[in-house]
Amino acid sequence: MNIMIKRMLFLTLLYLVLTAVTTSTLSRQLFIPILTATNIVFAVLLTLLIYNYFRFLKQNTSVDNGQLLRNHIDNVNGILDNKSLFKISQKPFLFGLEEGLISNKNFYYNHDFFYAVDETGAVSTYDLTDIFELSATGSQINNSRIWQVKISEGTRTVEYRFTHNFSIWNTNFLNFYRRVKKIRPEAIQSKWSLWKM
């Protein structure tokens, strides 16, 4: 909910700034069409923002999907206790476009394993020693860099892309980065820094 409020406030602030600039700098002939266009764009973006929020809310509170969410939590908790399981990903919001840029899973790790958990609660488990690449891509969503993990699974390669959940208060992703670097230094393809996160 906090993210939703921040996005609405940002969109509203942007709208107010554009409206103020338009009304103070343009002539009356240009003012009306530009203000009308600004209002239409604001209404469409706000509608999409609210629609995606309620779609997400419905997915996580409906009877069927509520059960899927409980299954997801039960599966993750069933792997190991909560104290040793660390989430390293977050789901960014880009009006639905993020689905083509990142994997539709949540990612966790512990001392020895990397976990990919899908919406149904199915868990894929990989040994950290099987990770042969951890790198930052050139893409960002909402100022979060998209990272990729490549894992050797027998004769095939499994690849996941996600945005990390690093913050001042949450260093899980940085700890995961350091753990992979300790186990397989050659797997680290991108240097971690606050400027490139």
C-alpha atoms as a PDB file:
ATOM      1  CA  MET A   1       0.000   0.000   0.000  1.00  0.00           C
ATOM      2  CA  ASN A   2       2.858   2.403   0.779  1.00  0.00           C
ATOM      3  CA  ILE A   3       4.277   1.959  -2.720  1.00  0.00           C
ATOM      4  CA  MET A   4       0.840   2.638  -4.200  1.00  0.00           C
ATOM      5  CA  ILE A   5       0.521   5.879  -2.209  1.00  0.00           C
ATOM      6  CA  LYS A   6       4.041   6.993  -3.203  1.00  0.00           C
ATOM      7  CA  ARG A   7       3.301   6.399  -6.888  1.00  0.00           C
ATOM      8  CA  MET A   8      -0.003   8.266  -6.690  1.00  0.00           C
ATOM      9  CA  LEU A   9       1.665  11.168  -4.894  1.00  0.00           C
ATOM     10  CA  PHE A  10       4.485  11.275  -7.451  1.00  0.00           C
ATOM     11  CA  LEU A  11       2.011  11.217 -10.349  1.00  0.00           C
ATOM     12  CA  THR A  12      -0.121  13.937  -8.726  1.00  0.00           C
ATOM     13  CA  LEU A  13       2.922  16.107  -8.015  1.00  0.00           C
ATOM     14  CA  LEU A  14       4.096  15.731 -11.610  1.00  0.00           C
ATOM     15  CA  TYR A  15       0.610  16.666 -12.822  1.00  0.00           C
ATOM     16  CA  LEU A  16       0.529  19.768 -10.582  1.00  0.00           C
ATOM     17  CA  VAL A  17       3.957  20.913 -11.786  1.00  0.00           C
ATOM     18  CA  LEU A  18       3.005  20.437 -15.451  1.00  0.00           C
ATOM     19  CA  THR A  19      -0.281  22.274 -14.896  1.00  0.00           C
ATOM     20  CA  ALA A  20       1.463  25.170 -13.124  1.00  0.00           C
ATOM     21  CA  VAL A  21       4.103  25.479 -15.857  1.00  0.00           C
ATOM     22  CA  THR A  22       1.449  25.298 -18.586  1.00  0.00           C
ATOM     23  CA  THR A  23      -0.800  27.937 -17.032  1.00  0.00           C
ATOM     24  CA  SER A  24       2.020  30.356 -16.289  1.00  0.00           C
ATOM     25  CA  THR A  25       4.009  30.173 -19.508  1.00  0.00           C
ATOM     26  CA  LEU A  26       1.662  29.522 -22.408  1.00  0.00           C
ATOM     27  CA  SER A  27      -0.783  31.746 -24.199  1.00  0.00           C
ATOM     28  CA  ARG A  28      -4.499  31.096 -23.904  1.00  0.00           C
ATOM     29  CA  GLN A  29      -4.665  29.525 -27.384  1.00  0.00           C
ATOM     30  CA  LEU A  30      -2.046  26.891 -26.488  1.00  0.00           C
ATOM     31  CA  PHE A  31      -3.029  26.619 -22.845  1.00  0.00           C
ATOM     32  CA  ILE A  32      -6.406  24.878 -23.329  1.00  0.00           C
ATOM     33  CA  PRO A  33      -5.305  22.044 -25.679  1.00  0.00           C
ATOM     34  CA  ILE A  34      -2.144  21.315 -23.697  1.00  0.00           C
ATOM     35  CA  LEU A  35      -4.025  21.337 -20.377  1.00  0.00           C
ATOM     36  CA  THR A  36      -6.659  19.024 -21.885  1.00  0.00           C
ATOM     37  CA  ALA A  37      -3.972  16.616 -23.081  1.00  0.00           C
ATOM     38  CA  THR A  38      -2.268  16.728 -19.675  1.00  0.00           C
ATOM     39  CA  ASN A  39      -5.576  15.937 -17.953  1.00  0.00           C
ATOM     40  CA  ILE A  40      -6.214  12.978 -20.271  1.00  0.00           C
ATOM     41  CA  VAL A  41      -2.719  11.538 -19.744  1.00  0.00           C
ATOM     42  CA  PHE A  42      -3.010  12.003 -15.972  1.00  0.00           C
ATOM     43  CA  ALA A  43      -6.423  10.292 -15.912  1.00  0.00           C
ATOM     44  CA  VAL A  44      -5.168   7.334 -17.980  1.00  0.00           C
ATOM     45  CA  LEU A  45      -2.020   6.844 -15.861  1.00  0.00           C
ATOM     46  CA  LEU A  46      -3.953   7.141 -12.616  1.00  0.00           C
ATOM     47  CA  THR A  47      -6.568   4.659 -13.876  1.00  0.00           C
ATOM     48  CA  LEU A  48      -3.831   2.176 -14.866  1.00  0.00           C
ATOM     49  CA  LEU A  49      -2.130   2.597 -11.515  1.00  0.00           C
ATOM     50  CA  ILE A  50      -5.345   1.956  -9.589  1.00  0.00           C
ATOM     51  CA  TYR A  51      -6.345  -0.929 -11.885  1.00  0.00           C
ATOM     52  CA  ASN A  52      -2.999  -2.704 -11.444  1.00  0.00           C
ATOM     53  CA  TYR A  53      -3.111  -2.193  -7.683  1.00  0.00           C
ATOM     54  CA  PHE A  54      -6.581  -3.721  -7.386  1.00  0.00           C
ATOM     55  CA  ARG A  55      -5.610  -6.537  -9.755  1.00  0.00           C
ATOM     56  CA  PHE A  56      -2.653  -7.324  -7.481  1.00  0.00           C
ATOM     57  CA  LEU A  57      -4.869  -7.037  -4.406  1.00  0.00           C
ATOM     58  CA  LYS A  58      -7.468  -9.371  -5.929  1.00  0.00           C
ATOM     59  CA  GLN A  59      -4.797 -11.949  -6.810  1.00  0.00           C
ATOM     60  CA  ASN A  60      -3.580 -12.035  -3.237  1.00  0.00           C
ATOM     61  CA  THR A  61      -6.964 -12.015  -1.475  1.00  0.00           C
ATOM     62  CA  SER A  62      -9.289 -14.131  -3.615  1.00  0.00           C
ATOM     63  CA  VAL A  63     -10.121 -17.595  -2.329  1.00  0.00           C
ATOM     64  CA  ASP A  64      -8.122 -19.483  -4.976  1.00  0.00           C
ATOM     65  CA  ASN A  65      -5.176 -17.152  -5.091  1.00  0.00           C
ATOM     66  CA  GLY A  66      -5.267 -16.704  -1.344  1.00  0.00           C
ATOM     67  CA  GLN A  67      -4.762 -20.452  -1.131  1.00  0.00           C
ATOM     68  CA  LEU A  68      -1.908 -20.198  -3.659  1.00  0.00           C
ATOM     69  CA  LEU A  69      -0.310 -17.507  -1.539  1.00  0.00           C
ATOM     70  CA  ARG A  70      -0.671 -19.668   1.582  1.00  0.00           C
ATOM     71  CA  ASN A  71       0.820 -22.607  -0.354  1.00  0.00           C
ATOM     72  CA  HIS A  72       3.722 -20.379  -1.390  1.00  0.00           C
ATOM     73  CA  ILE A  73       4.375 -19.392   2.224  1.00  0.00           C
ATOM     74  CA  ASP A  74       3.974 -22.991   3.437  1.00  0.00           C
ATOM     75  CA  ASN A  75       6.377 -24.283   0.779  1.00  0.00           C
ATOM     76  CA  VAL A  76       8.993 -21.679   1.561  1.00  0.00           C
ATOM     77  CA  ASN A  77       8.601 -22.226   5.294  1.00  0.00           C
ATOM     78  CA  GLY A  78       8.711 -25.983   4.732  1.00  0.00           C
ATOM     79  CA  ILE A  79      12.136 -25.742   3.094  1.00  0.00           C
ATOM     80  CA  LEU A  80      13.756 -24.324   6.200  1.00  0.00           C
ATOM     81  CA  ASP A  81      13.003 -22.045   9.098  1.00  0.00           C
ATOM     82  CA  ASN A  82      12.362 -18.351   8.503  1.00  0.00           C
ATOM     83  CA  LYS A  83      15.512 -17.247  10.307  1.00  0.00           C
ATOM     84  CA  SER A  84      17.779 -18.734   7.652  1.00  0.00           C
ATOM     85  CA  LEU A  85      15.747 -17.908   4.532  1.00  0.00           C
ATOM     86  CA  PHE A  86      16.380 -14.488   2.988  1.00  0.00           C
ATOM     87  CA  LYS A  87      14.356 -12.871   0.220  1.00  0.00           C
ATOM     88  CA  ILE A  88      16.510 -11.024  -2.334  1.00  0.00           C
ATOM     89  CA  SER A  89      13.970  -9.872  -4.941  1.00  0.00           C
ATOM     90  CA  GLN A  90      11.080  -7.472  -5.231  1.00  0.00           C
ATOM     91  CA  LYS A  91       8.282  -7.053  -7.746  1.00  0.00           C
ATOM     92  CA  PRO A  92       8.587  -3.639  -9.396  1.00  0.00           C
ATOM     93  CA  PHE A  93       5.677  -1.828 -11.009  1.00  0.00           C
ATOM     94  CA  LEU A  94       5.798  -0.598 -14.605  1.00  0.00           C
ATOM     95  CA  PHE A  95       2.128  -0.733 -15.654  1.00  0.00           C
ATOM     96  CA  GLY A  96       2.443  -4.450 -16.486  1.00  0.00           C
ATOM     97  CA  LEU A  97       5.467  -4.004 -18.763  1.00  0.00           C
ATOM     98  CA  GLU A  98       7.771  -5.434 -16.093  1.00  0.00           C
ATOM     99  CA  GLU A  99       6.486  -8.938 -16.869  1.00  0.00           C
ATOM    100  CA  GLY A 100       8.532  -9.012 -20.074  1.00  0.00           C
ATOM    101  CA  LEU A 101      11.708  -7.823 -18.347  1.00  0.00           C
ATOM    102  CA  ILE A 102      11.956  -9.983 -15.230  1.00  0.00           C
ATOM    103  CA  SER A 103      11.115 -13.536 -14.167  1.00  0.00           C
ATOM    104  CA  ASN A 104       7.707 -14.022 -12.601  1.00  0.00           C
ATOM    105  CA  LYS A 105       9.087 -15.575  -9.416  1.00  0.00           C
ATOM    106  CA  ASN A 106      10.269 -14.599  -5.964  1.00  0.00           C
ATOM    107  CA  PHE A 107      13.888 -15.363  -5.105  1.00  0.00           C
ATOM    108  CA  TYR A 108      15.432 -16.436  -1.804  1.00  0.00           C
ATOM    109  CA  TYR A 109      18.712 -17.828  -0.612  1.00  0.00           C
ATOM    110  CA  ASN A 110      20.303 -19.369   2.441  1.00  0.00           C
ATOM    111  CA  HIS A 111      23.824 -20.474   3.285  1.00  0.00           C
ATOM    112  CA  ASP A 112      23.897 -23.204   0.620  1.00  0.00           C
ATOM    113  CA  PHE A 113      20.979 -22.814  -1.770  1.00  0.00           C
ATOM    114  CA  PHE A 114      19.208 -20.416  -4.136  1.00  0.00           C
ATOM    115  CA  TYR A 115      15.401 -20.727  -4.391  1.00  0.00           C
ATOM    116  CA  ALA A 116      12.980 -19.624  -7.120  1.00  0.00           C
ATOM    117  CA  VAL A 117       9.346 -19.712  -5.992  1.00  0.00           C
ATOM    118  CA  ASP A 118       6.521 -19.224  -8.489  1.00  0.00           C
ATOM    119  CA  GLU A 119       2.982 -17.956  -7.850  1.00  0.00           C
ATOM    120  CA  THR A 120       1.630 -21.472  -7.275  1.00  0.00           C
ATOM    121  CA  GLY A 121       4.162 -22.074  -4.516  1.00  0.00           C
ATOM    122  CA  ALA A 122       6.323 -24.460  -6.552  1.00  0.00           C
ATOM    123  CA  VAL A 123       9.930 -24.181  -5.412  1.00  0.00           C
ATOM    124  CA  SER A 124      12.992 -24.723  -7.594  1.00  0.00           C
ATOM    125  CA  THR A 125      16.124 -25.284  -5.519  1.00  0.00           C
ATOM    126  CA  TYR A 126      19.680 -24.771  -6.790  1.00  0.00           C
ATOM    127  CA  ASP A 127      23.010 -25.217  -5.086  1.00  0.00           C
ATOM    128  CA  LEU A 128      24.891 -21.911  -4.828  1.00  0.00           C
ATOM    129  CA  THR A 129      27.937 -23.643  -6.345  1.00  0.00           C
ATOM    130  CA  ASP A 130      25.909 -24.182  -9.546  1.00  0.00           C
ATOM    131  CA  ILE A 131      25.607 -20.431 -10.130  1.00  0.00           C
ATOM    132  CA  PHE A 132      28.104 -19.591 -12.857  1.00  0.00           C
ATOM    133  CA  GLU A 133      27.044 -15.976 -13.443  1.00  0.00           C
ATOM    134  CA  LEU A 134      25.646 -13.196 -11.297  1.00  0.00           C
ATOM    135  CA  SER A 135      25.577  -9.903 -13.165  1.00  0.00           C
ATOM    136  CA  ALA A 136      23.808  -6.578 -13.455  1.00  0.00           C
ATOM    137  CA  THR A 137      22.061  -5.898 -16.741  1.00  0.00           C
ATOM    138  CA  GLY A 138      21.880  -2.508 -18.419  1.00  0.00           C
ATOM    139  CA  SER A 139      18.162  -2.184 -17.601  1.00  0.00           C
ATOM    140  CA  GLN A 140      16.402  -0.604 -14.642  1.00  0.00           C
ATOM    141  CA  ILE A 141      12.825  -0.489 -13.365  1.00  0.00           C
ATOM    142  CA  ASN A 142      11.921   2.276 -10.910  1.00  0.00           C
ATOM    143  CA  ASN A 143      15.620   2.984 -10.280  1.00  0.00           C
ATOM    144  CA  SER A 144      16.283  -0.668  -9.404  1.00  0.00           C
ATOM    145  CA  ARG A 145      18.827  -2.458 -11.558  1.00  0.00           C
ATOM    146  CA  ILE A 146      17.757  -5.751 -13.114  1.00  0.00           C
ATOM    147  CA  TRP A 147      20.160  -8.527 -12.158  1.00  0.00           C
ATOM    148  CA  GLN A 148      20.490 -11.929 -13.748  1.00  0.00           C
ATOM    149  CA  VAL A 149      21.499 -15.265 -12.290  1.00  0.00           C
ATOM    150  CA  LYS A 150      22.651 -18.066 -14.567  1.00  0.00           C
ATOM    151  CA  ILE A 151      22.694 -21.565 -13.136  1.00  0.00           C
ATOM    152  CA  SER A 152      24.121 -24.759 -14.543  1.00  0.00           C
ATOM    153  CA  GLU A 153      21.592 -27.567 -14.200  1.00  0.00           C
ATOM    154  CA  GLY A 154      23.075 -30.669 -15.764  1.00  0.00           C
ATOM    155  CA  THR A 155      23.434 -29.986 -19.477  1.00  0.00           C
ATOM    156  CA  ARG A 156      21.132 -26.966 -19.530  1.00  0.00           C
ATOM    157  CA  THR A 157      21.370 -23.406 -18.296  1.00  0.00           C
ATOM    158  CA  VAL A 158      18.662 -21.824 -16.161  1.00  0.00           C
ATOM    159  CA  GLU A 159      18.480 -18.030 -16.205  1.00  0.00           C
ATOM    160  CA  TYR A 160      16.468 -15.726 -13.961  1.00  0.00           C
ATOM    161  CA  ARG A 161      16.147 -11.941 -14.045  1.00  0.00           C
ATOM    162  CA  PHE A 162      14.905  -9.888 -11.107  1.00  0.00           C
ATOM    163  CA  THR A 163      15.136  -6.556  -9.361  1.00  0.00           C
ATOM    164  CA  HIS A 164      16.845  -6.766  -5.992  1.00  0.00           C
ATOM    165  CA  ASN A 165      15.311  -5.568  -2.739  1.00  0.00           C
ATOM    166  CA  PHE A 166      18.433  -3.839  -1.397  1.00  0.00           C
ATOM    167  CA  SER A 167      17.889  -0.827   0.827  1.00  0.00           C
ATOM    168  CA  ILE A 168      19.541   0.797   3.820  1.00  0.00           C
ATOM    169  CA  TRP A 169      17.476  -1.490   6.047  1.00  0.00           C
ATOM    170  CA  ASN A 170      17.580  -4.630   3.901  1.00  0.00           C
ATOM    171  CA  THR A 171      20.980  -5.964   2.827  1.00  0.00           C
ATOM    172  CA  ASN A 172      19.823  -9.466   1.836  1.00  0.00           C
ATOM    173  CA  PHE A 173      20.781  -9.042  -1.805  1.00  0.00           C
ATOM    174  CA  LEU A 174      24.214  -7.637  -0.958  1.00  0.00           C
ATOM    175  CA  ASN A 175      24.768 -10.566   1.421  1.00  0.00           C
ATOM    176  CA  PHE A 176      23.719 -12.966  -1.361  1.00  0.00           C
ATOM    177  CA  TYR A 177      26.165 -11.242  -3.730  1.00  0.00           C
ATOM    178  CA  ARG A 178      28.964 -11.616  -1.177  1.00  0.00           C
ATOM    179  CA  ARG A 179      28.091 -15.254  -0.507  1.00  0.00           C
ATOM    180  CA  VAL A 180      28.224 -16.147  -4.225  1.00  0.00           C
ATOM    181  CA  LYS A 181      31.478 -14.193  -4.542  1.00  0.00           C
ATOM    182  CA  LYS A 182      32.971 -16.199  -1.684  1.00  0.00           C
ATOM    183  CA  ILE A 183      31.857 -19.573  -3.069  1.00  0.00           C
ATOM    184  CA  ARG A 184      32.490 -18.894  -6.776  1.00  0.00           C
ATOM    185  CA  PRO A 185      34.378 -15.635  -7.358  1.00  0.00           C
ATOM    186  CA  GLU A 186      34.489 -16.278 -11.112  1.00  0.00           C
ATOM    187  CA  ALA A 187      30.667 -16.165 -11.228  1.00  0.00           C
ATOM    188  CA  ILE A 188      30.588 -12.469 -10.296  1.00  0.00           C
ATOM    189  CA  GLN A 189      30.449 -10.538 -13.560  1.00  0.00           C
ATOM    190  CA  SER A 190      29.454  -7.120 -12.165  1.00  0.00           C
ATOM    191  CA  LYS A 191      31.065  -5.197  -9.355  1.00  0.00           C
ATOM    192  CA  TRP A 192      28.644  -4.113  -6.641  1.00  0.00           C
ATOM    193  CA  SER A 193      28.441  -0.423  -5.851  1.00  0.00           C
ATOM    194  CA  LEU A 194      25.738   1.923  -4.626  1.00  0.00           C
ATOM    195  CA  TRP A 195      25.955   3.778  -7.953  1.00  0.00           C
ATOM    196  CA  LYS A 196      25.281   0.663 -10.017  1.00  0.00           C
ATOM    197  CA  MET A 197      22.726  -1.105  -7.856  1.00  0.00           C
END
